[in-house]
Amino acid sequence: MKTTPEPAVTCHGVGVNERTQCAHYHSERDIIAIKFKCCGAFYACIQCHQESVSHAPEVWPVAEFSQEAIYCGNCSGVLSIAAYLSCGNACPLCQAAFNPGCANHYHLYFER
Protein backbone atom coordinates (compact mmCIF):
# COMPACT_ATOMS: atom_id res chain seq x y z
CA MET A 1 0.00 0.00 0.00
CA LYS A 2 1.36 3.41 -1.00
CA THR A 3 1.36 6.08 1.68
CA THR A 4 1.56 9.83 1.31
CA PRO A 5 4.59 11.33 3.06
CA GLU A 6 3.95 13.72 5.91
CA PRO A 7 4.62 17.38 5.11
CA ALA A 8 7.96 18.78 6.29
CA VAL A 9 6.23 21.42 8.41
CA THR A 10 2.85 21.91 10.05
CA CYS A 11 0.88 24.71 8.47
CA HIS A 12 -1.63 26.34 10.80
CA GLY A 13 -4.72 28.23 9.80
CA VAL A 14 -8.41 28.09 8.99
CA GLY A 15 -9.45 25.26 6.70
CA VAL A 16 -5.86 24.57 5.60
CA ASN A 17 -5.39 21.70 3.17
CA GLU A 18 -2.27 19.71 2.23
CA ARG A 19 -1.20 22.38 -0.28
CA THR A 20 -1.43 25.16 2.37
CA GLN A 21 -4.51 26.71 0.79
CA CYS A 22 -6.84 28.14 3.43
CA ALA A 23 -10.32 29.57 3.88
CA HIS A 24 -9.00 33.02 2.90
CA TYR A 25 -6.73 32.18 -0.05
CA HIS A 26 -7.42 29.00 -2.00
CA SER A 27 -6.68 29.54 -5.68
CA GLU A 28 -4.54 27.02 -7.52
CA ARG A 29 -1.53 29.33 -6.96
CA ASP A 30 -2.05 29.97 -3.24
CA ILE A 31 0.41 27.29 -2.16
CA ILE A 32 2.83 28.92 0.24
CA ALA A 33 2.87 29.21 4.00
CA ILE A 34 4.96 31.72 5.91
CA LYS A 35 6.76 31.15 9.17
CA PHE A 36 5.87 34.10 11.36
CA LYS A 37 8.81 35.73 13.12
CA CYS A 38 6.75 36.41 16.24
CA CYS A 39 5.95 32.78 17.03
CA GLY A 40 8.08 30.63 14.73
CA ALA A 41 5.02 28.83 13.37
CA PHE A 42 3.93 28.48 9.74
CA TYR A 43 0.55 29.93 8.81
CA ALA A 44 -1.21 29.90 5.45
CA CYS A 45 -1.81 33.68 5.61
CA ILE A 46 -1.91 36.65 7.96
CA GLN A 47 -5.67 36.28 8.51
CA CYS A 48 -5.12 32.68 9.63
CA HIS A 49 -2.48 33.93 12.08
CA GLN A 50 -4.77 36.66 13.40
CA GLU A 51 -7.66 34.23 13.88
CA SER A 52 -5.48 31.63 15.62
CA VAL A 53 -3.29 33.51 18.10
CA SER A 54 -3.63 36.41 20.52
CA HIS A 55 -0.43 38.27 19.62
CA ALA A 56 0.35 40.73 16.84
CA PRO A 57 2.38 39.51 13.87
CA GLU A 58 5.95 40.73 13.41
CA VAL A 59 7.55 41.39 10.04
CA TRP A 60 10.86 39.76 9.14
CA PRO A 61 13.66 42.37 9.09
CA VAL A 62 15.85 42.55 5.99
CA ALA A 63 18.83 41.40 8.06
CA GLU A 64 17.05 38.04 8.56
CA PHE A 65 16.00 37.33 4.96
CA SER A 66 18.37 34.34 4.98
CA GLN A 67 15.95 32.56 7.33
CA GLU A 68 14.10 29.60 5.86
CA ALA A 69 10.57 30.84 6.39
CA ILE A 70 8.61 30.02 3.20
CA TYR A 71 7.03 26.60 2.73
CA CYS A 72 5.91 25.40 -0.71
CA GLY A 73 2.70 23.43 -0.39
CA ASN A 74 3.33 21.78 -3.74
CA CYS A 75 6.72 20.13 -3.06
CA SER A 76 7.11 20.60 0.72
CA GLY A 77 10.32 22.54 0.12
CA VAL A 78 11.36 25.31 2.47
CA LEU A 79 12.86 28.49 1.02
CA SER A 80 14.70 31.39 2.53
CA ILE A 81 12.84 34.68 2.45
CA ALA A 82 15.45 36.03 0.02
CA ALA A 83 14.99 33.06 -2.33
CA TYR A 84 11.22 33.49 -2.24
CA LEU A 85 11.32 37.22 -2.90
CA SER A 86 13.61 36.71 -5.89
CA CYS A 87 12.03 33.59 -7.40
CA GLY A 88 9.76 35.27 -9.93
CA ASN A 89 6.45 33.74 -8.72
CA ALA A 90 7.46 30.10 -9.15
CA CYS A 91 9.02 27.68 -6.70
CA PRO A 92 12.71 27.30 -7.55
CA LEU A 93 12.54 23.70 -6.32
CA CYS A 94 9.51 22.35 -8.22
CA GLN A 95 8.55 25.23 -10.56
CA ALA A 96 4.97 25.35 -9.25
CA ALA A 97 3.41 28.76 -9.88
CA PHE A 98 2.93 31.06 -6.90
CA ASN A 99 0.20 33.69 -6.75
CA PRO A 100 1.73 36.95 -8.09
CA GLY A 101 -0.86 38.87 -6.03
CA CYS A 102 1.00 37.86 -2.87
CA ALA A 103 3.44 40.68 -3.61
CA ASN A 104 0.67 43.11 -2.62
CA HIS A 105 0.94 41.76 0.93
CA TYR A 106 4.73 41.56 1.37
CA HIS A 107 4.68 44.57 3.71
CA LEU A 108 2.63 42.50 6.16
CA TYR A 109 5.36 39.85 6.38
CA PHE A 110 8.68 41.38 5.30
CA GLU A 111 10.49 44.63 6.00
CA ARG A 112 10.94 46.63 2.78
C-alpha atoms as a PDB file:
ATOM      1  CA  MET A   1       0.000   0.000   0.000  1.00  0.00           C
ATOM      2  CA  LYS A   2       1.360   3.414  -1.003  1.00  0.00           C
ATOM      3  CA  THR A   3       1.356   6.084   1.681  1.00  0.00           C
ATOM      4  CA  THR A   4       1.562   9.827   1.308  1.00  0.00           C
ATOM      5  CA  PRO A   5       4.587  11.335   3.061  1.00  0.00           C
ATOM      6  CA  GLU A   6       3.946  13.717   5.909  1.00  0.00           C
ATOM      7  CA  PRO A   7       4.623  17.382   5.106  1.00  0.00           C
ATOM      8  CA  ALA A   8       7.959  18.780   6.290  1.00  0.00           C
ATOM      9  CA  VAL A   9       6.233  21.423   8.409  1.00  0.00           C
ATOM     10  CA  THR A  10       2.852  21.909  10.046  1.00  0.00           C
ATOM     11  CA  CYS A  11       0.875  24.714   8.465  1.00  0.00           C
ATOM     12  CA  HIS A  12      -1.634  26.344  10.803  1.00  0.00           C
ATOM     13  CA  GLY A  13      -4.723  28.231   9.801  1.00  0.00           C
ATOM     14  CA  VAL A  14      -8.405  28.091   8.987  1.00  0.00           C
ATOM     15  CA  GLY A  15      -9.451  25.260   6.696  1.00  0.00           C
ATOM     16  CA  VAL A  16      -5.861  24.572   5.600  1.00  0.00           C
ATOM     17  CA  ASN A  17      -5.386  21.703   3.165  1.00  0.00           C
ATOM     18  CA  GLU A  18      -2.272  19.707   2.235  1.00  0.00           C
ATOM     19  CA  ARG A  19      -1.199  22.384  -0.277  1.00  0.00           C
ATOM     20  CA  THR A  20      -1.432  25.161   2.375  1.00  0.00           C
ATOM     21  CA  GLN A  21      -4.513  26.707   0.790  1.00  0.00           C
ATOM     22  CA  CYS A  22      -6.840  28.142   3.429  1.00  0.00           C
ATOM     23  CA  ALA A  23     -10.318  29.572   3.879  1.00  0.00           C
ATOM     24  CA  HIS A  24      -9.000  33.017   2.900  1.00  0.00           C
ATOM     25  CA  TYR A  25      -6.731  32.177  -0.055  1.00  0.00           C
ATOM     26  CA  HIS A  26      -7.421  29.004  -1.996  1.00  0.00           C
ATOM     27  CA  SER A  27      -6.683  29.535  -5.680  1.00  0.00           C
ATOM     28  CA  GLU A  28      -4.539  27.015  -7.517  1.00  0.00           C
ATOM     29  CA  ARG A  29      -1.533  29.333  -6.960  1.00  0.00           C
ATOM     30  CA  ASP A  30      -2.052  29.974  -3.235  1.00  0.00           C
ATOM     31  CA  ILE A  31       0.407  27.292  -2.162  1.00  0.00           C
ATOM     32  CA  ILE A  32       2.833  28.915   0.239  1.00  0.00           C
ATOM     33  CA  ALA A  33       2.875  29.210   3.995  1.00  0.00           C
ATOM     34  CA  ILE A  34       4.955  31.719   5.908  1.00  0.00           C
ATOM     35  CA  LYS A  35       6.760  31.154   9.175  1.00  0.00           C
ATOM     36  CA  PHE A  36       5.873  34.102  11.360  1.00  0.00           C
ATOM     37  CA  LYS A  37       8.808  35.734  13.120  1.00  0.00           C
ATOM     38  CA  CYS A  38       6.748  36.407  16.237  1.00  0.00           C
ATOM     39  CA  CYS A  39       5.954  32.778  17.032  1.00  0.00           C
ATOM     40  CA  GLY A  40       8.078  30.628  14.728  1.00  0.00           C
ATOM     41  CA  ALA A  41       5.018  28.829  13.365  1.00  0.00           C
ATOM     42  CA  PHE A  42       3.934  28.476   9.745  1.00  0.00           C
ATOM     43  CA  TYR A  43       0.548  29.932   8.810  1.00  0.00           C
ATOM     44  CA  ALA A  44      -1.212  29.903   5.450  1.00  0.00           C
ATOM     45  CA  CYS A  45      -1.813  33.679   5.610  1.00  0.00           C
ATOM     46  CA  ILE A  46      -1.915  36.646   7.957  1.00  0.00           C
ATOM     47  CA  GLN A  47      -5.668  36.281   8.505  1.00  0.00           C
ATOM     48  CA  CYS A  48      -5.125  32.685   9.630  1.00  0.00           C
ATOM     49  CA  HIS A  49      -2.480  33.934  12.079  1.00  0.00           C
ATOM     50  CA  GLN A  50      -4.775  36.660  13.398  1.00  0.00           C
ATOM     51  CA  GLU A  51      -7.660  34.232  13.883  1.00  0.00           C
ATOM     52  CA  SER A  52      -5.481  31.629  15.621  1.00  0.00           C
ATOM     53  CA  VAL A  53      -3.292  33.509  18.100  1.00  0.00           C
ATOM     54  CA  SER A  54      -3.628  36.411  20.521  1.00  0.00           C
ATOM     55  CA  HIS A  55      -0.432  38.273  19.622  1.00  0.00           C
ATOM     56  CA  ALA A  56       0.354  40.730  16.844  1.00  0.00           C
ATOM     57  CA  PRO A  57       2.383  39.508  13.868  1.00  0.00           C
ATOM     58  CA  GLU A  58       5.947  40.726  13.409  1.00  0.00           C
ATOM     59  CA  VAL A  59       7.551  41.395  10.037  1.00  0.00           C
ATOM     60  CA  TRP A  60      10.855  39.760   9.142  1.00  0.00           C
ATOM     61  CA  PRO A  61      13.659  42.366   9.091  1.00  0.00           C
ATOM     62  CA  VAL A  62      15.847  42.554   5.986  1.00  0.00           C
ATOM     63  CA  ALA A  63      18.833  41.400   8.055  1.00  0.00           C
ATOM     64  CA  GLU A  64      17.055  38.041   8.558  1.00  0.00           C
ATOM     65  CA  PHE A  65      16.005  37.333   4.962  1.00  0.00           C
ATOM     66  CA  SER A  66      18.374  34.338   4.977  1.00  0.00           C
ATOM     67  CA  GLN A  67      15.955  32.564   7.333  1.00  0.00           C
ATOM     68  CA  GLU A  68      14.097  29.602   5.862  1.00  0.00           C
ATOM     69  CA  ALA A  69      10.575  30.839   6.385  1.00  0.00           C
ATOM     70  CA  ILE A  70       8.613  30.019   3.203  1.00  0.00           C
ATOM     71  CA  TYR A  71       7.033  26.603   2.732  1.00  0.00           C
ATOM     72  CA  CYS A  72       5.914  25.402  -0.708  1.00  0.00           C
ATOM     73  CA  GLY A  73       2.700  23.435  -0.389  1.00  0.00           C
ATOM     74  CA  ASN A  74       3.335  21.780  -3.735  1.00  0.00           C
ATOM     75  CA  CYS A  75       6.719  20.128  -3.064  1.00  0.00           C
ATOM     76  CA  SER A  76       7.113  20.604   0.722  1.00  0.00           C
ATOM     77  CA  GLY A  77      10.321  22.538   0.118  1.00  0.00           C
ATOM     78  CA  VAL A  78      11.358  25.308   2.473  1.00  0.00           C
ATOM     79  CA  LEU A  79      12.857  28.491   1.016  1.00  0.00           C
ATOM     80  CA  SER A  80      14.703  31.389   2.534  1.00  0.00           C
ATOM     81  CA  ILE A  81      12.841  34.678   2.448  1.00  0.00           C
ATOM     82  CA  ALA A  82      15.454  36.030   0.021  1.00  0.00           C
ATOM     83  CA  ALA A  83      14.992  33.063  -2.332  1.00  0.00           C
ATOM     84  CA  TYR A  84      11.224  33.487  -2.238  1.00  0.00           C
ATOM     85  CA  LEU A  85      11.324  37.220  -2.895  1.00  0.00           C
ATOM     86  CA  SER A  86      13.606  36.714  -5.889  1.00  0.00           C
ATOM     87  CA  CYS A  87      12.034  33.587  -7.403  1.00  0.00           C
ATOM     88  CA  GLY A  88       9.760  35.266  -9.926  1.00  0.00           C
ATOM     89  CA  ASN A  89       6.451  33.745  -8.724  1.00  0.00           C
ATOM     90  CA  ALA A  90       7.461  30.096  -9.146  1.00  0.00           C
ATOM     91  CA  CYS A  91       9.017  27.676  -6.701  1.00  0.00           C
ATOM     92  CA  PRO A  92      12.713  27.303  -7.548  1.00  0.00           C
ATOM     93  CA  LEU A  93      12.542  23.698  -6.318  1.00  0.00           C
ATOM     94  CA  CYS A  94       9.511  22.350  -8.218  1.00  0.00           C
ATOM     95  CA  GLN A  95       8.550  25.234 -10.562  1.00  0.00           C
ATOM     96  CA  ALA A  96       4.969  25.349  -9.249  1.00  0.00           C
ATOM     97  CA  ALA A  97       3.412  28.760  -9.882  1.00  0.00           C
ATOM     98  CA  PHE A  98       2.925  31.057  -6.898  1.00  0.00           C
ATOM     99  CA  ASN A  99       0.202  33.694  -6.754  1.00  0.00           C
ATOM    100  CA  PRO A 100       1.729  36.948  -8.088  1.00  0.00           C
ATOM    101  CA  GLY A 101      -0.857  38.867  -6.033  1.00  0.00           C
ATOM    102  CA  CYS A 102       1.004  37.862  -2.865  1.00  0.00           C
ATOM    103  CA  ALA A 103       3.443  40.684  -3.612  1.00  0.00           C
ATOM    104  CA  ASN A 104       0.668  43.111  -2.624  1.00  0.00           C
ATOM    105  CA  HIS A 105       0.943  41.762   0.933  1.00  0.00           C
ATOM    106  CA  TYR A 106       4.728  41.557   1.366  1.00  0.00           C
ATOM    107  CA  HIS A 107       4.681  44.566   3.707  1.00  0.00           C
ATOM    108  CA  LEU A 108       2.626  42.498   6.158  1.00  0.00           C
ATOM    109  CA  TYR A 109       5.360  39.847   6.380  1.00  0.00           C
ATOM    110  CA  PHE A 110       8.676  41.381   5.295  1.00  0.00           C
ATOM    111  CA  GLU A 111      10.486  44.627   5.997  1.00  0.00           C
ATOM    112  CA  ARG A 112      10.938  46.628   2.779  1.00  0.00           C
END
